[in-house]
Amino acid sequence: MVAEHLVRAQPRRVYADLTAWVNLVDMLDYWATYDPVATNELLTVVLLFADRYRDHPDYPGRGRR
Protein backbone atom coordinates (compact mmCIF):
# COMPACT_ATOMS: atom_id res chain seq x y z
CA MET A 1 0.00 0.00 0.00
CA VAL A 2 2.70 2.52 0.93
CA ALA A 3 4.78 1.56 -2.11
CA GLU A 4 1.80 1.97 -4.43
CA HIS A 5 1.09 5.39 -2.97
CA LEU A 6 4.71 6.49 -3.39
CA VAL A 7 4.82 5.33 -7.00
CA ARG A 8 1.64 7.27 -7.79
CA ALA A 9 2.40 10.37 -5.71
CA GLN A 10 6.18 10.63 -6.10
CA PRO A 11 7.27 8.77 -9.25
CA ARG A 12 10.50 10.80 -9.58
CA ARG A 13 11.52 9.88 -6.06
CA VAL A 14 10.83 6.20 -6.67
CA TYR A 15 12.75 6.29 -9.96
CA ALA A 16 15.70 8.07 -8.29
CA ASP A 17 15.77 5.51 -5.46
CA LEU A 18 15.70 2.58 -7.86
CA THR A 19 18.37 4.15 -10.05
CA ALA A 20 20.58 4.67 -7.00
CA TRP A 21 20.16 1.00 -6.02
CA VAL A 22 21.03 -0.19 -9.53
CA ASN A 23 24.10 2.06 -9.65
CA LEU A 24 25.27 0.88 -6.25
CA VAL A 25 24.93 -2.79 -7.20
CA ASP A 26 26.67 -2.14 -10.53
CA MET A 27 29.56 -0.46 -8.70
CA LEU A 28 29.77 -3.39 -6.30
CA ASP A 29 29.83 -5.83 -9.21
CA TYR A 30 32.55 -3.83 -11.00
CA TRP A 31 34.84 -3.35 -8.01
CA ALA A 32 34.48 -6.97 -6.90
CA THR A 33 36.91 -7.94 -9.68
CA TYR A 34 39.43 -5.15 -9.03
CA ASP A 35 39.64 -4.05 -5.42
CA PRO A 36 38.61 -6.13 -2.41
CA VAL A 37 38.82 -3.13 -0.06
CA ALA A 38 36.46 -1.04 -2.19
CA THR A 39 34.20 -4.07 -2.54
CA ASN A 40 33.93 -4.47 1.23
CA GLU A 41 33.17 -0.77 1.68
CA LEU A 42 30.46 -0.84 -1.00
CA LEU A 43 29.02 -4.04 0.45
CA THR A 44 28.75 -2.29 3.81
CA VAL A 45 26.74 0.49 2.14
CA VAL A 46 24.46 -2.04 0.41
CA LEU A 47 23.86 -3.82 3.72
CA LEU A 48 23.09 -0.52 5.46
CA PHE A 49 20.52 0.32 2.79
CA ALA A 50 19.02 -3.16 3.00
CA ASP A 51 18.82 -3.01 6.80
CA ARG A 52 15.77 -0.75 6.64
CA TYR A 53 13.84 -3.70 5.19
CA ARG A 54 14.94 -6.22 7.81
CA ASP A 55 11.52 -6.41 9.47
CA HIS A 56 9.80 -7.19 6.16
CA PRO A 57 8.58 -10.81 5.95
CA ASP A 58 10.38 -11.38 2.62
CA TYR A 59 13.77 -10.16 3.89
CA PRO A 60 16.35 -12.90 3.24
CA GLY A 61 17.63 -14.57 6.39
CA ARG A 62 14.97 -12.97 8.55
CA GLY A 63 14.55 -16.13 10.62
CA ARG A 64 18.28 -16.33 11.26
CA ARG A 65 18.56 -13.01 13.11
C-alpha atoms as a PDB file:
ATOM      1  CA  MET A   1       0.000   0.000   0.000  1.00  0.00           C
ATOM      2  CA  VAL A   2       2.695   2.519   0.928  1.00  0.00           C
ATOM      3  CA  ALA A   3       4.780   1.560  -2.107  1.00  0.00           C
ATOM      4  CA  GLU A   4       1.798   1.967  -4.433  1.00  0.00           C
ATOM      5  CA  HIS A   5       1.088   5.390  -2.972  1.00  0.00           C
ATOM      6  CA  LEU A   6       4.708   6.490  -3.390  1.00  0.00           C
ATOM      7  CA  VAL A   7       4.818   5.332  -6.998  1.00  0.00           C
ATOM      8  CA  ARG A   8       1.642   7.269  -7.786  1.00  0.00           C
ATOM      9  CA  ALA A   9       2.405  10.373  -5.712  1.00  0.00           C
ATOM     10  CA  GLN A  10       6.182  10.628  -6.102  1.00  0.00           C
ATOM     11  CA  PRO A  11       7.274   8.775  -9.245  1.00  0.00           C
ATOM     12  CA  ARG A  12      10.497  10.800  -9.583  1.00  0.00           C
ATOM     13  CA  ARG A  13      11.522   9.883  -6.058  1.00  0.00           C
ATOM     14  CA  VAL A  14      10.834   6.201  -6.672  1.00  0.00           C
ATOM     15  CA  TYR A  15      12.755   6.289  -9.961  1.00  0.00           C
ATOM     16  CA  ALA A  16      15.696   8.066  -8.291  1.00  0.00           C
ATOM     17  CA  ASP A  17      15.765   5.511  -5.456  1.00  0.00           C
ATOM     18  CA  LEU A  18      15.701   2.577  -7.861  1.00  0.00           C
ATOM     19  CA  THR A  19      18.372   4.154 -10.051  1.00  0.00           C
ATOM     20  CA  ALA A  20      20.579   4.668  -7.005  1.00  0.00           C
ATOM     21  CA  TRP A  21      20.160   0.999  -6.024  1.00  0.00           C
ATOM     22  CA  VAL A  22      21.033  -0.186  -9.528  1.00  0.00           C
ATOM     23  CA  ASN A  23      24.103   2.065  -9.647  1.00  0.00           C
ATOM     24  CA  LEU A  24      25.274   0.876  -6.250  1.00  0.00           C
ATOM     25  CA  VAL A  25      24.933  -2.790  -7.195  1.00  0.00           C
ATOM     26  CA  ASP A  26      26.671  -2.136 -10.529  1.00  0.00           C
ATOM     27  CA  MET A  27      29.558  -0.459  -8.697  1.00  0.00           C
ATOM     28  CA  LEU A  28      29.775  -3.393  -6.301  1.00  0.00           C
ATOM     29  CA  ASP A  29      29.835  -5.830  -9.207  1.00  0.00           C
ATOM     30  CA  TYR A  30      32.545  -3.832 -11.005  1.00  0.00           C
ATOM     31  CA  TRP A  31      34.839  -3.349  -8.014  1.00  0.00           C
ATOM     32  CA  ALA A  32      34.479  -6.972  -6.900  1.00  0.00           C
ATOM     33  CA  THR A  33      36.907  -7.935  -9.679  1.00  0.00           C
ATOM     34  CA  TYR A  34      39.426  -5.152  -9.033  1.00  0.00           C
ATOM     35  CA  ASP A  35      39.641  -4.054  -5.422  1.00  0.00           C
ATOM     36  CA  PRO A  36      38.610  -6.127  -2.410  1.00  0.00           C
ATOM     37  CA  VAL A  37      38.821  -3.129  -0.055  1.00  0.00           C
ATOM     38  CA  ALA A  38      36.460  -1.042  -2.192  1.00  0.00           C
ATOM     39  CA  THR A  39      34.196  -4.073  -2.542  1.00  0.00           C
ATOM     40  CA  ASN A  40      33.934  -4.469   1.233  1.00  0.00           C
ATOM     41  CA  GLU A  41      33.167  -0.772   1.681  1.00  0.00           C
ATOM     42  CA  LEU A  42      30.459  -0.843  -1.000  1.00  0.00           C
ATOM     43  CA  LEU A  43      29.019  -4.042   0.445  1.00  0.00           C
ATOM     44  CA  THR A  44      28.748  -2.291   3.806  1.00  0.00           C
ATOM     45  CA  VAL A  45      26.740   0.488   2.140  1.00  0.00           C
ATOM     46  CA  VAL A  46      24.463  -2.041   0.412  1.00  0.00           C
ATOM     47  CA  LEU A  47      23.857  -3.817   3.722  1.00  0.00           C
ATOM     48  CA  LEU A  48      23.087  -0.517   5.462  1.00  0.00           C
ATOM     49  CA  PHE A  49      20.524   0.324   2.787  1.00  0.00           C
ATOM     50  CA  ALA A  50      19.016  -3.162   3.003  1.00  0.00           C
ATOM     51  CA  ASP A  51      18.821  -3.013   6.796  1.00  0.00           C
ATOM     52  CA  ARG A  52      15.770  -0.754   6.641  1.00  0.00           C
ATOM     53  CA  TYR A  53      13.842  -3.697   5.189  1.00  0.00           C
ATOM     54  CA  ARG A  54      14.942  -6.221   7.814  1.00  0.00           C
ATOM     55  CA  ASP A  55      11.520  -6.409   9.472  1.00  0.00           C
ATOM     56  CA  HIS A  56       9.802  -7.185   6.157  1.00  0.00           C
ATOM     57  CA  PRO A  57       8.577 -10.812   5.953  1.00  0.00           C
ATOM     58  CA  ASP A  58      10.378 -11.380   2.624  1.00  0.00           C
ATOM     59  CA  TYR A  59      13.766 -10.159   3.892  1.00  0.00           C
ATOM     60  CA  PRO A  60      16.354 -12.904   3.236  1.00  0.00           C
ATOM     61  CA  GLY A  61      17.626 -14.570   6.387  1.00  0.00           C
ATOM     62  CA  ARG A  62      14.968 -12.970   8.555  1.00  0.00           C
ATOM     63  CA  GLY A  63      14.549 -16.127  10.621  1.00  0.00           C
ATOM     64  CA  ARG A  64      18.280 -16.331  11.257  1.00  0.00           C
ATOM     65  CA  ARG A  65      18.561 -13.013  13.105  1.00  0.00           C
END
